[in-house]
């Protein structure tokens, strides 16, 4: 993988900044159903509004604009607009056949913008992280309360879907693959198994970020794992980083980051929400307030990569970048 060595060098030298929320930014455009469809999907059989990944094809200028704003704010790593771009999630829109194109084009947009910024400041390389979301199905839990033994999807179905997505993300120019917002570790293991197959087939080493989500104050993932159990269940793999994102604000995430930071030889990532959602589902933490919470991560030496999830904007990322540049990254003695 090109840029892998440069990525590891940068992680040794400083805390890298990941971008913020894509969805939060796209809401500002107030795209209509017609905007989502564009000319190409004008007569599509099902409603498409809300399919943000599709905007990489129908409104690519908006996706490019959001990426640029995060890079201007100081982001080192940009996530592709592909959180739901698997055949499993795209089945809701009858768009399974578009999955390769969605991922490839999304990665190309992010790659183009990163290369433009890196050319202006060669001393600060930018990296594209191919975003691989959890899908809308879980391999561990039954969606039917009346039939706890029922499973909506198999491990192999997940593996096949993730492999298609990962290959397209790499072909489009991703430096990193980010398996994120993991609420079911079995889903994540399917993604990681698929990525491992690609590494063998292509004879390459892919930097892999793994990011789980602690769903509530119990300190567990949706499928019931504690932070430590989550770490143990993926630690046999050759990963770039492990961490948490989404669900909680920065302050609530601290003890779980401490757990994995104290028990892992991987780099540690954290990109929390802008606080907890209010009664209207909005996120209220200001950029300054959130950045001060993240200062604690840096002061304690817990992190190597920080950014923002739901509710965060380029202003949040700029505030975080300003603070973490004054701190050393968490020391990693062994790169596995």
C-alpha atoms as a PDB file:
ATOM      1  CA  UNK A   1       0.000   0.000   0.000  1.00  0.00           C
ATOM      2  CA  UNK A   2       1.451   3.355  -0.937  1.00  0.00           C
ATOM      3  CA  UNK A   3       1.719   5.859   1.892  1.00  0.00           C
ATOM      4  CA  UNK A   4       1.598   3.117   4.572  1.00  0.00           C
ATOM      5  CA  UNK A   5       5.107   3.893   5.803  1.00  0.00           C
ATOM      6  CA  UNK A   6       4.362   7.617   5.780  1.00  0.00           C
ATOM      7  CA  UNK A   7       1.169   6.975   7.757  1.00  0.00           C
ATOM      8  CA  UNK A   8       3.036   5.038  10.462  1.00  0.00           C
ATOM      9  CA  UNK A   9       5.763   7.700  10.606  1.00  0.00           C
ATOM     10  CA  UNK A  10       3.190  10.432  11.128  1.00  0.00           C
ATOM     11  CA  UNK A  11       1.412   8.444  13.838  1.00  0.00           C
ATOM     12  CA  UNK A  12       4.703   8.184  15.747  1.00  0.00           C
ATOM     13  CA  UNK A  13       5.235  11.934  15.544  1.00  0.00           C
ATOM     14  CA  UNK A  14       1.838  13.492  16.298  1.00  0.00           C
ATOM     15  CA  UNK A  15      -1.818  12.956  17.039  1.00  0.00           C
ATOM     16  CA  UNK A  16      -3.587  12.667  13.684  1.00  0.00           C
ATOM     17  CA  UNK A  17      -6.942  14.344  13.159  1.00  0.00           C
ATOM     18  CA  UNK A  18      -9.842  12.511  11.558  1.00  0.00           C
ATOM     19  CA  UNK A  19     -12.692  14.447   9.957  1.00  0.00           C
ATOM     20  CA  UNK A  20     -16.175  15.001  11.408  1.00  0.00           C
ATOM     21  CA  UNK A  21     -19.711  14.010  10.474  1.00  0.00           C
ATOM     22  CA  UNK A  22     -20.736  13.787   6.823  1.00  0.00           C
ATOM     23  CA  UNK A  23     -24.489  13.578   7.513  1.00  0.00           C
ATOM     24  CA  UNK A  24     -24.497  16.697   9.692  1.00  0.00           C
ATOM     25  CA  UNK A  25     -22.913  18.664   6.868  1.00  0.00           C
ATOM     26  CA  UNK A  26     -25.156  17.255   4.130  1.00  0.00           C
ATOM     27  CA  UNK A  27     -28.254  18.311   6.081  1.00  0.00           C
ATOM     28  CA  UNK A  28     -27.212  21.917   5.465  1.00  0.00           C
ATOM     29  CA  UNK A  29     -27.765  21.486   1.740  1.00  0.00           C
ATOM     30  CA  UNK A  30     -31.441  20.587   2.311  1.00  0.00           C
ATOM     31  CA  UNK A  31     -31.412  18.259  -0.675  1.00  0.00           C
ATOM     32  CA  UNK A  32     -34.837  17.258  -2.015  1.00  0.00           C
ATOM     33  CA  UNK A  33     -35.912  13.900  -3.434  1.00  0.00           C
ATOM     34  CA  UNK A  34     -35.138  15.311  -6.884  1.00  0.00           C
ATOM     35  CA  UNK A  35     -31.632  16.279  -5.786  1.00  0.00           C
ATOM     36  CA  UNK A  36     -30.967  12.776  -4.537  1.00  0.00           C
ATOM     37  CA  UNK A  37     -32.214  11.297  -7.806  1.00  0.00           C
ATOM     38  CA  UNK A  38     -30.412  13.622 -10.191  1.00  0.00           C
ATOM     39  CA  UNK A  39     -30.938  13.021 -13.874  1.00  0.00           C
ATOM     40  CA  UNK A  40     -29.620   9.484 -13.812  1.00  0.00           C
ATOM     41  CA  UNK A  41     -32.121   8.130 -11.247  1.00  0.00           C
ATOM     42  CA  UNK A  42     -35.039  10.381 -12.168  1.00  0.00           C
ATOM     43  CA  UNK A  43     -37.398   7.422 -12.669  1.00  0.00           C
ATOM     44  CA  UNK A  44     -36.066   5.104  -9.956  1.00  0.00           C
ATOM     45  CA  UNK A  45     -38.683   2.753  -8.524  1.00  0.00           C
ATOM     46  CA  UNK A  46     -38.266   3.643  -4.833  1.00  0.00           C
ATOM     47  CA  UNK A  47     -37.763   6.860  -2.816  1.00  0.00           C
ATOM     48  CA  UNK A  48     -34.093   7.845  -2.589  1.00  0.00           C
ATOM     49  CA  UNK A  49     -34.077  10.790  -0.194  1.00  0.00           C
ATOM     50  CA  UNK A  50     -31.877   9.935   2.771  1.00  0.00           C
ATOM     51  CA  UNK A  51     -29.519   7.711   0.787  1.00  0.00           C
ATOM     52  CA  UNK A  52     -26.508   9.911   1.497  1.00  0.00           C
ATOM     53  CA  UNK A  53     -24.039   7.529  -0.129  1.00  0.00           C
ATOM     54  CA  UNK A  54     -25.840   7.999  -3.443  1.00  0.00           C
ATOM     55  CA  UNK A  55     -24.929  11.694  -3.372  1.00  0.00           C
ATOM     56  CA  UNK A  56     -21.399  10.694  -4.412  1.00  0.00           C
ATOM     57  CA  UNK A  57     -22.960   9.978  -7.818  1.00  0.00           C
ATOM     58  CA  UNK A  58     -25.744  12.564  -8.022  1.00  0.00           C
ATOM     59  CA  UNK A  59     -24.233  15.517  -6.059  1.00  0.00           C
ATOM     60  CA  UNK A  60     -20.474  14.853  -6.092  1.00  0.00           C
ATOM     61  CA  UNK A  61     -19.703  18.578  -5.782  1.00  0.00           C
ATOM     62  CA  UNK A  62     -21.332  18.595  -2.317  1.00  0.00           C
ATOM     63  CA  UNK A  63     -19.305  15.592  -1.124  1.00  0.00           C
ATOM     64  CA  UNK A  64     -16.130  17.205  -2.433  1.00  0.00           C
ATOM     65  CA  UNK A  65     -17.027  20.475  -0.721  1.00  0.00           C
ATOM     66  CA  UNK A  66     -17.554  18.770   2.654  1.00  0.00           C
ATOM     67  CA  UNK A  67     -14.209  16.956   2.371  1.00  0.00           C
ATOM     68  CA  UNK A  68     -12.470  20.258   1.559  1.00  0.00           C
ATOM     69  CA  UNK A  69     -13.987  21.983   4.580  1.00  0.00           C
ATOM     70  CA  UNK A  70     -12.668  19.275   6.891  1.00  0.00           C
ATOM     71  CA  UNK A  71      -9.216  19.405   5.325  1.00  0.00           C
ATOM     72  CA  UNK A  72      -9.186  23.187   5.669  1.00  0.00           C
ATOM     73  CA  UNK A  73     -10.118  22.690   9.327  1.00  0.00           C
ATOM     74  CA  UNK A  74      -6.972  20.601   9.835  1.00  0.00           C
ATOM     75  CA  UNK A  75      -8.010  16.989   9.205  1.00  0.00           C
ATOM     76  CA  UNK A  76      -5.253  14.539   8.277  1.00  0.00           C
ATOM     77  CA  UNK A  77      -7.616  11.652   7.485  1.00  0.00           C
ATOM     78  CA  UNK A  78     -10.797  11.943   5.417  1.00  0.00           C
ATOM     79  CA  UNK A  79     -13.509   9.270   5.477  1.00  0.00           C
ATOM     80  CA  UNK A  80     -15.212   8.254   2.264  1.00  0.00           C
ATOM     81  CA  UNK A  81     -18.956   8.817   1.920  1.00  0.00           C
ATOM     82  CA  UNK A  82     -19.687   5.081   2.046  1.00  0.00           C
ATOM     83  CA  UNK A  83     -21.023   4.297   5.525  1.00  0.00           C
ATOM     84  CA  UNK A  84     -23.991   2.339   4.110  1.00  0.00           C
ATOM     85  CA  UNK A  85     -22.557   1.344   0.736  1.00  0.00           C
ATOM     86  CA  UNK A  86     -22.981  -2.433   0.965  1.00  0.00           C
ATOM     87  CA  UNK A  87     -25.427  -4.636  -0.923  1.00  0.00           C
ATOM     88  CA  UNK A  88     -27.079  -5.325   2.447  1.00  0.00           C
ATOM     89  CA  UNK A  89     -27.858  -1.688   3.266  1.00  0.00           C
ATOM     90  CA  UNK A  90     -28.472  -0.650  -0.351  1.00  0.00           C
ATOM     91  CA  UNK A  91     -31.194  -3.308  -0.686  1.00  0.00           C
ATOM     92  CA  UNK A  92     -33.512  -0.781   1.001  1.00  0.00           C
ATOM     93  CA  UNK A  93     -33.233   1.320  -2.174  1.00  0.00           C
ATOM     94  CA  UNK A  94     -32.978  -1.592  -4.659  1.00  0.00           C
ATOM     95  CA  UNK A  95     -29.470  -0.364  -5.484  1.00  0.00           C
ATOM     96  CA  UNK A  96     -27.380  -3.468  -4.815  1.00  0.00           C
ATOM     97  CA  UNK A  97     -25.935  -3.371  -8.338  1.00  0.00           C
ATOM     98  CA  UNK A  98     -24.482   0.099  -7.733  1.00  0.00           C
ATOM     99  CA  UNK A  99     -22.359  -0.850  -4.744  1.00  0.00           C
ATOM    100  CA  UNK A 100     -18.998  -1.130  -6.508  1.00  0.00           C
ATOM    101  CA  UNK A 101     -19.522   2.183  -8.295  1.00  0.00           C
ATOM    102  CA  UNK A 102     -20.676   3.966  -5.123  1.00  0.00           C
ATOM    103  CA  UNK A 103     -17.568   2.945  -3.209  1.00  0.00           C
ATOM    104  CA  UNK A 104     -15.158   3.464  -6.084  1.00  0.00           C
ATOM    105  CA  UNK A 105     -16.452   6.947  -6.927  1.00  0.00           C
ATOM    106  CA  UNK A 106     -16.632   8.001  -3.268  1.00  0.00           C
ATOM    107  CA  UNK A 107     -13.018   6.961  -2.730  1.00  0.00           C
ATOM    108  CA  UNK A 108     -11.989   8.778  -5.912  1.00  0.00           C
ATOM    109  CA  UNK A 109     -13.594  12.037  -4.709  1.00  0.00           C
ATOM    110  CA  UNK A 110     -11.830  11.820  -1.337  1.00  0.00           C
ATOM    111  CA  UNK A 111      -8.518  10.847  -2.998  1.00  0.00           C
ATOM    112  CA  UNK A 112      -8.674  13.807  -5.401  1.00  0.00           C
ATOM    113  CA  UNK A 113      -9.277  16.331  -2.628  1.00  0.00           C
ATOM    114  CA  UNK A 114      -6.597  14.837  -0.361  1.00  0.00           C
ATOM    115  CA  UNK A 115      -4.040  14.911  -3.171  1.00  0.00           C
ATOM    116  CA  UNK A 116      -4.852  18.556  -3.892  1.00  0.00           C
ATOM    117  CA  UNK A 117      -4.242  19.547  -0.269  1.00  0.00           C
ATOM    118  CA  UNK A 118      -1.147  17.364   0.101  1.00  0.00           C
ATOM    119  CA  UNK A 119       0.347  19.026  -2.991  1.00  0.00           C
ATOM    120  CA  UNK A 120      -0.034  22.434  -1.305  1.00  0.00           C
ATOM    121  CA  UNK A 121       1.572  21.252   1.936  1.00  0.00           C
ATOM    122  CA  UNK A 122       3.845  18.266   1.171  1.00  0.00           C
ATOM    123  CA  UNK A 123       5.056  18.216   4.781  1.00  0.00           C
ATOM    124  CA  UNK A 124       1.510  17.287   5.855  1.00  0.00           C
ATOM    125  CA  UNK A 125       0.289  14.235   3.925  1.00  0.00           C
ATOM    126  CA  UNK A 126      -3.460  13.488   3.853  1.00  0.00           C
ATOM    127  CA  UNK A 127      -4.961  10.020   3.978  1.00  0.00           C
ATOM    128  CA  UNK A 128      -8.224   8.516   2.724  1.00  0.00           C
ATOM    129  CA  UNK A 129     -10.019   6.109   5.058  1.00  0.00           C
ATOM    130  CA  UNK A 130     -12.553   3.897   3.307  1.00  0.00           C
ATOM    131  CA  UNK A 131     -15.594   3.948   5.583  1.00  0.00           C
ATOM    132  CA  UNK A 132     -17.170   0.525   6.201  1.00  0.00           C
ATOM    133  CA  UNK A 133     -20.287   0.817   8.355  1.00  0.00           C
ATOM    134  CA  UNK A 134     -21.967  -1.969  10.329  1.00  0.00           C
ATOM    135  CA  UNK A 135     -24.898  -2.531   7.892  1.00  0.00           C
ATOM    136  CA  UNK A 136     -28.507  -2.516   9.094  1.00  0.00           C
ATOM    137  CA  UNK A 137     -28.467  -6.209  10.030  1.00  0.00           C
ATOM    138  CA  UNK A 138     -26.779  -8.054  12.867  1.00  0.00           C
ATOM    139  CA  UNK A 139     -25.336 -11.548  12.840  1.00  0.00           C
ATOM    140  CA  UNK A 140     -25.564 -11.981  16.621  1.00  0.00           C
ATOM    141  CA  UNK A 141     -28.997 -10.728  17.593  1.00  0.00           C
ATOM    142  CA  UNK A 142     -32.483 -11.654  16.446  1.00  0.00           C
ATOM    143  CA  UNK A 143     -34.548  -8.763  15.077  1.00  0.00           C
ATOM    144  CA  UNK A 144     -37.681 -10.640  16.183  1.00  0.00           C
ATOM    145  CA  UNK A 145     -38.406 -10.533  19.922  1.00  0.00           C
ATOM    146  CA  UNK A 146     -40.773 -13.459  19.499  1.00  0.00           C
ATOM    147  CA  UNK A 147     -38.094 -15.619  17.888  1.00  0.00           C
ATOM    148  CA  UNK A 148     -34.742 -15.096  19.645  1.00  0.00           C
ATOM    149  CA  UNK A 149     -33.141 -17.846  17.554  1.00  0.00           C
ATOM    150  CA  UNK A 150     -33.815 -16.107  14.258  1.00  0.00           C
ATOM    151  CA  UNK A 151     -30.827 -14.466  12.573  1.00  0.00           C
ATOM    152  CA  UNK A 152     -31.444 -12.082   9.679  1.00  0.00           C
ATOM    153  CA  UNK A 153     -28.054 -12.515   8.032  1.00  0.00           C
ATOM    154  CA  UNK A 154     -25.210 -15.024   7.986  1.00  0.00           C
ATOM    155  CA  UNK A 155     -21.496 -14.467   8.510  1.00  0.00           C
ATOM    156  CA  UNK A 156     -20.784 -15.478   4.922  1.00  0.00           C
ATOM    157  CA  UNK A 157     -23.376 -13.090   3.485  1.00  0.00           C
ATOM    158  CA  UNK A 158     -21.715 -10.287   5.433  1.00  0.00           C
ATOM    159  CA  UNK A 159     -18.238 -11.370   4.319  1.00  0.00           C
ATOM    160  CA  UNK A 160     -19.213 -11.315   0.640  1.00  0.00           C
ATOM    161  CA  UNK A 161     -20.827  -7.869   0.949  1.00  0.00           C
ATOM    162  CA  UNK A 162     -17.904  -6.381   2.862  1.00  0.00           C
ATOM    163  CA  UNK A 163     -15.360  -7.816   0.451  1.00  0.00           C
ATOM    164  CA  UNK A 164     -17.068  -6.150  -2.505  1.00  0.00           C
ATOM    165  CA  UNK A 165     -17.135  -2.843  -0.664  1.00  0.00           C
ATOM    166  CA  UNK A 166     -13.525  -3.048   0.513  1.00  0.00           C
ATOM    167  CA  UNK A 167     -12.176  -3.913  -2.936  1.00  0.00           C
ATOM    168  CA  UNK A 168     -13.933  -0.934  -4.501  1.00  0.00           C
ATOM    169  CA  UNK A 169     -12.678   1.405  -1.762  1.00  0.00           C
ATOM    170  CA  UNK A 170      -9.106   0.273  -2.370  1.00  0.00           C
ATOM    171  CA  UNK A 171      -9.469   0.513  -6.151  1.00  0.00           C
ATOM    172  CA  UNK A 172     -10.723   4.096  -5.746  1.00  0.00           C
ATOM    173  CA  UNK A 173      -7.636   5.140  -3.797  1.00  0.00           C
ATOM    174  CA  UNK A 174      -8.219   4.532  -0.080  1.00  0.00           C
ATOM    175  CA  UNK A 175      -5.049   4.306   2.053  1.00  0.00           C
ATOM    176  CA  UNK A 176      -6.858   2.891   5.084  1.00  0.00           C
ATOM    177  CA  UNK A 177      -9.945   0.735   5.607  1.00  0.00           C
ATOM    178  CA  UNK A 178     -12.045   1.861   8.567  1.00  0.00           C
ATOM    179  CA  UNK A 179     -14.461  -0.709   9.995  1.00  0.00           C
ATOM    180  CA  UNK A 180     -16.545   1.615  12.138  1.00  0.00           C
ATOM    181  CA  UNK A 181     -19.494   2.052  14.483  1.00  0.00           C
ATOM    182  CA  UNK A 182     -19.310  -1.628  15.406  1.00  0.00           C
ATOM    183  CA  UNK A 183     -22.311  -2.634  17.505  1.00  0.00           C
ATOM    184  CA  UNK A 184     -21.919  -6.350  16.757  1.00  0.00           C
ATOM    185  CA  UNK A 185     -18.388  -7.744  16.764  1.00  0.00           C
ATOM    186  CA  UNK A 186     -19.448 -10.702  14.643  1.00  0.00           C
ATOM    187  CA  UNK A 187     -20.341  -8.286  11.828  1.00  0.00           C
ATOM    188  CA  UNK A 188     -16.938  -6.669  12.231  1.00  0.00           C
ATOM    189  CA  UNK A 189     -15.200 -10.035  12.145  1.00  0.00           C
ATOM    190  CA  UNK A 190     -16.879 -10.742   8.808  1.00  0.00           C
ATOM    191  CA  UNK A 191     -15.521  -7.443   7.469  1.00  0.00           C
ATOM    192  CA  UNK A 192     -12.055  -8.129   8.845  1.00  0.00           C
ATOM    193  CA  UNK A 193     -12.050 -11.656   7.430  1.00  0.00           C
ATOM    194  CA  UNK A 194     -12.969 -10.235   4.019  1.00  0.00           C
ATOM    195  CA  UNK A 195     -10.175  -7.649   4.228  1.00  0.00           C
ATOM    196  CA  UNK A 196      -7.727 -10.387   5.196  1.00  0.00           C
ATOM    197  CA  UNK A 197      -8.752 -12.324   2.083  1.00  0.00           C
ATOM    198  CA  UNK A 198      -8.046  -9.247  -0.047  1.00  0.00           C
ATOM    199  CA  UNK A 199      -4.619  -8.861   1.565  1.00  0.00           C
ATOM    200  CA  UNK A 200      -3.773 -12.452   0.671  1.00  0.00           C
ATOM    201  CA  UNK A 201      -5.136 -12.232  -2.860  1.00  0.00           C
ATOM    202  CA  UNK A 202      -3.483  -8.908  -3.683  1.00  0.00           C
ATOM    203  CA  UNK A 203      -0.348  -9.593  -1.631  1.00  0.00           C
ATOM    204  CA  UNK A 204      -0.606  -6.239   0.134  1.00  0.00           C
ATOM    205  CA  UNK A 205      -0.756  -4.976   3.707  1.00  0.00           C
ATOM    206  CA  UNK A 206      -3.790  -2.761   4.346  1.00  0.00           C
ATOM    207  CA  UNK A 207      -3.803  -0.394   7.328  1.00  0.00           C
ATOM    208  CA  UNK A 208      -7.037  -1.288   9.142  1.00  0.00           C
ATOM    209  CA  UNK A 209      -8.783   0.917  11.693  1.00  0.00           C
ATOM    210  CA  UNK A 210     -11.414  -0.728  13.892  1.00  0.00           C
ATOM    211  CA  UNK A 211     -13.875   1.450  15.802  1.00  0.00           C
ATOM    212  CA  UNK A 212     -16.586   0.096  18.067  1.00  0.00           C
ATOM    213  CA  UNK A 213     -19.505   1.885  19.634  1.00  0.00           C
ATOM    214  CA  UNK A 214     -20.489   1.758  23.314  1.00  0.00           C
ATOM    215  CA  UNK A 215     -24.254   2.125  23.140  1.00  0.00           C
ATOM    216  CA  UNK A 216     -25.137   3.365  26.636  1.00  0.00           C
ATOM    217  CA  UNK A 217     -24.017   3.898  30.220  1.00  0.00           C
ATOM    218  CA  UNK A 218     -23.666   0.139  30.733  1.00  0.00           C
ATOM    219  CA  UNK A 219     -20.370   0.420  28.878  1.00  0.00           C
ATOM    220  CA  UNK A 220     -21.222  -2.341  26.422  1.00  0.00           C
ATOM    221  CA  UNK A 221     -21.718  -2.706  22.705  1.00  0.00           C
ATOM    222  CA  UNK A 222     -25.231  -3.544  21.489  1.00  0.00           C
ATOM    223  CA  UNK A 223     -24.300  -7.220  21.312  1.00  0.00           C
ATOM    224  CA  UNK A 224     -23.217  -7.120  24.958  1.00  0.00           C
ATOM    225  CA  UNK A 225     -19.428  -6.821  24.982  1.00  0.00           C
ATOM    226  CA  UNK A 226     -17.510  -4.645  27.411  1.00  0.00           C
ATOM    227  CA  UNK A 227     -14.711  -2.456  26.024  1.00  0.00           C
ATOM    228  CA  UNK A 228     -12.125  -5.000  27.173  1.00  0.00           C
ATOM    229  CA  UNK A 229     -14.004  -7.950  25.656  1.00  0.00           C
ATOM    230  CA  UNK A 230     -14.336  -6.052  22.375  1.00  0.00           C
ATOM    231  CA  UNK A 231     -10.588  -5.448  22.349  1.00  0.00           C
ATOM    232  CA  UNK A 232      -9.758  -9.077  23.130  1.00  0.00           C
ATOM    233  CA  UNK A 233     -12.053 -10.370  20.374  1.00  0.00           C
ATOM    234  CA  UNK A 234     -10.203  -8.445  17.636  1.00  0.00           C
ATOM    235  CA  UNK A 235      -6.647  -8.332  19.028  1.00  0.00           C
ATOM    236  CA  UNK A 236      -5.466 -11.388  17.098  1.00  0.00           C
ATOM    237  CA  UNK A 237      -5.599  -9.315  13.914  1.00  0.00           C
ATOM    238  CA  UNK A 238      -2.930  -7.109  12.387  1.00  0.00           C
ATOM    239  CA  UNK A 239      -4.580  -3.727  12.929  1.00  0.00           C
ATOM    240  CA  UNK A 240      -3.451  -0.141  12.590  1.00  0.00           C
ATOM    241  CA  UNK A 241      -5.749   1.129  15.342  1.00  0.00           C
ATOM    242  CA  UNK A 242      -8.619   0.270  17.615  1.00  0.00           C
ATOM    243  CA  UNK A 243     -11.004   2.706  19.273  1.00  0.00           C
ATOM    244  CA  UNK A 244     -14.530   3.972  19.691  1.00  0.00           C
ATOM    245  CA  UNK A 245     -16.873   6.355  17.916  1.00  0.00           C
ATOM    246  CA  UNK A 246     -20.506   7.481  17.991  1.00  0.00           C
ATOM    247  CA  UNK A 247     -23.233   6.922  20.657  1.00  0.00           C
ATOM    248  CA  UNK A 248     -21.447   8.850  23.420  1.00  0.00           C
ATOM    249  CA  UNK A 249     -19.942  12.291  23.845  1.00  0.00           C
ATOM    250  CA  UNK A 250     -16.237  12.800  24.527  1.00  0.00           C
ATOM    251  CA  UNK A 251     -16.538  12.902  28.318  1.00  0.00           C
ATOM    252  CA  UNK A 252     -18.624   9.701  28.551  1.00  0.00           C
ATOM    253  CA  UNK A 253     -16.149   7.866  26.305  1.00  0.00           C
ATOM    254  CA  UNK A 254     -13.072   8.528  28.471  1.00  0.00           C
ATOM    255  CA  UNK A 255     -13.159   5.455  30.773  1.00  0.00           C
ATOM    256  CA  UNK A 256     -13.575   3.081  27.823  1.00  0.00           C
ATOM    257  CA  UNK A 257     -10.649   4.651  26.004  1.00  0.00           C
ATOM    258  CA  UNK A 258      -8.569   4.247  29.159  1.00  0.00           C
ATOM    259  CA  UNK A 259      -9.439   0.542  29.213  1.00  0.00           C
ATOM    260  CA  UNK A 260      -8.313  -0.172  25.662  1.00  0.00           C
ATOM    261  CA  UNK A 261      -5.354   2.216  25.800  1.00  0.00           C
ATOM    262  CA  UNK A 262      -3.976   0.408  28.841  1.00  0.00           C
ATOM    263  CA  UNK A 263      -4.433  -3.018  27.274  1.00  0.00           C
ATOM    264  CA  UNK A 264      -3.545  -2.592  23.609  1.00  0.00           C
ATOM    265  CA  UNK A 265      -0.412  -2.383  21.478  1.00  0.00           C
ATOM    266  CA  UNK A 266      -2.383  -0.839  18.607  1.00  0.00           C
ATOM    267  CA  UNK A 267      -2.741   2.862  17.997  1.00  0.00           C
ATOM    268  CA  UNK A 268      -5.898   4.227  19.649  1.00  0.00           C
ATOM    269  CA  UNK A 269      -8.604   6.250  17.885  1.00  0.00           C
ATOM    270  CA  UNK A 270     -11.565   8.200  19.254  1.00  0.00           C
ATOM    271  CA  UNK A 271     -14.204  10.203  17.436  1.00  0.00           C
ATOM    272  CA  UNK A 272     -17.162  10.846  19.721  1.00  0.00           C
ATOM    273  CA  UNK A 273     -20.399  12.675  19.052  1.00  0.00           C
ATOM    274  CA  UNK A 274     -20.823  16.354  19.900  1.00  0.00           C
ATOM    275  CA  UNK A 275     -22.296  15.295  23.243  1.00  0.00           C
ATOM    276  CA  UNK A 276     -25.455  13.298  23.797  1.00  0.00           C
ATOM    277  CA  UNK A 277     -28.521  14.091  21.644  1.00  0.00           C
ATOM    278  CA  UNK A 278     -31.119  16.415  23.130  1.00  0.00           C
ATOM    279  CA  UNK A 279     -34.901  15.839  23.115  1.00  0.00           C
ATOM    280  CA  UNK A 280     -35.008  16.790  19.423  1.00  0.00           C
ATOM    281  CA  UNK A 281     -32.157  14.519  18.414  1.00  0.00           C
ATOM    282  CA  UNK A 282     -29.767  17.441  17.991  1.00  0.00           C
ATOM    283  CA  UNK A 283     -26.207  17.632  19.316  1.00  0.00           C
ATOM    284  CA  UNK A 284     -25.476  20.703  21.399  1.00  0.00           C
ATOM    285  CA  UNK A 285     -21.805  20.659  22.323  1.00  0.00           C
ATOM    286  CA  UNK A 286     -19.958  23.638  20.910  1.00  0.00           C
ATOM    287  CA  UNK A 287     -16.620  23.139  19.144  1.00  0.00           C
ATOM    288  CA  UNK A 288     -14.763  24.730  22.058  1.00  0.00           C
ATOM    289  CA  UNK A 289     -16.527  22.640  24.703  1.00  0.00           C
ATOM    290  CA  UNK A 290     -15.978  19.386  22.830  1.00  0.00           C
ATOM    291  CA  UNK A 291     -12.323  20.185  22.148  1.00  0.00           C
ATOM    292  CA  UNK A 292     -11.735  20.797  25.857  1.00  0.00           C
ATOM    293  CA  UNK A 293     -13.186  17.355  26.590  1.00  0.00           C
ATOM    294  CA  UNK A 294     -10.819  15.821  24.043  1.00  0.00           C
ATOM    295  CA  UNK A 295      -7.909  17.682  25.643  1.00  0.00           C
ATOM    296  CA  UNK A 296      -8.246  15.165  28.488  1.00  0.00           C
ATOM    297  CA  UNK A 297      -7.539  12.299  26.068  1.00  0.00           C
ATOM    298  CA  UNK A 298      -4.346  14.024  24.959  1.00  0.00           C
ATOM    299  CA  UNK A 299      -3.238  15.015  28.456  1.00  0.00           C
ATOM    300  CA  UNK A 300      -3.618  11.428  29.636  1.00  0.00           C
ATOM    301  CA  UNK A 301      -1.762  10.091  26.592  1.00  0.00           C
ATOM    302  CA  UNK A 302      -4.693   7.937  25.518  1.00  0.00           C
ATOM    303  CA  UNK A 303      -4.954   8.616  21.788  1.00  0.00           C
ATOM    304  CA  UNK A 304      -3.204   8.645  18.431  1.00  0.00           C
ATOM    305  CA  UNK A 305      -6.159   9.588  16.193  1.00  0.00           C
ATOM    306  CA  UNK A 306      -9.051  11.909  17.136  1.00  0.00           C
ATOM    307  CA  UNK A 307     -12.011  13.324  15.251  1.00  0.00           C
ATOM    308  CA  UNK A 308     -15.762  13.732  15.470  1.00  0.00           C
ATOM    309  CA  UNK A 309     -18.891  11.711  14.782  1.00  0.00           C
ATOM    310  CA  UNK A 310     -22.580  12.760  14.885  1.00  0.00           C
ATOM    311  CA  UNK A 311     -23.222  16.473  15.208  1.00  0.00           C
ATOM    312  CA  UNK A 312     -19.643  17.526  14.541  1.00  0.00           C
ATOM    313  CA  UNK A 313     -18.686  20.097  11.901  1.00  0.00           C
ATOM    314  CA  UNK A 314     -15.480  21.595  10.470  1.00  0.00           C
ATOM    315  CA  UNK A 315     -15.554  24.064  13.372  1.00  0.00           C
ATOM    316  CA  UNK A 316     -15.410  21.155  15.824  1.00  0.00           C
ATOM    317  CA  UNK A 317     -12.521  19.579  13.922  1.00  0.00           C
ATOM    318  CA  UNK A 318     -10.643  22.899  13.767  1.00  0.00           C
ATOM    319  CA  UNK A 319     -10.987  23.325  17.543  1.00  0.00           C
ATOM    320  CA  UNK A 320      -9.840  19.741  18.178  1.00  0.00           C
ATOM    321  CA  UNK A 321      -6.885  20.085  15.783  1.00  0.00           C
ATOM    322  CA  UNK A 322      -5.804  23.317  17.483  1.00  0.00           C
ATOM    323  CA  UNK A 323      -5.694  21.629  20.898  1.00  0.00           C
ATOM    324  CA  UNK A 324      -4.115  18.261  20.045  1.00  0.00           C
ATOM    325  CA  UNK A 325      -1.222  19.765  18.090  1.00  0.00           C
ATOM    326  CA  UNK A 326       0.248  20.766  21.460  1.00  0.00           C
ATOM    327  CA  UNK A 327       0.361  17.190  22.764  1.00  0.00           C
ATOM    328  CA  UNK A 328       2.439  14.117  22.059  1.00  0.00           C
ATOM    329  CA  UNK A 329       0.661  11.024  20.712  1.00  0.00           C
ATOM    330  CA  UNK A 330       0.174   7.957  22.863  1.00  0.00           C
ATOM    331  CA  UNK A 331       3.352   5.908  22.721  1.00  0.00           C
ATOM    332  CA  UNK A 332       3.187   2.588  20.939  1.00  0.00           C
ATOM    333  CA  UNK A 333       6.228   0.411  21.620  1.00  0.00           C
ATOM    334  CA  UNK A 334       5.266  -2.463  19.358  1.00  0.00           C
ATOM    335  CA  UNK A 335       3.648  -2.122  15.955  1.00  0.00           C
ATOM    336  CA  UNK A 336       1.886  -5.417  15.379  1.00  0.00           C
END
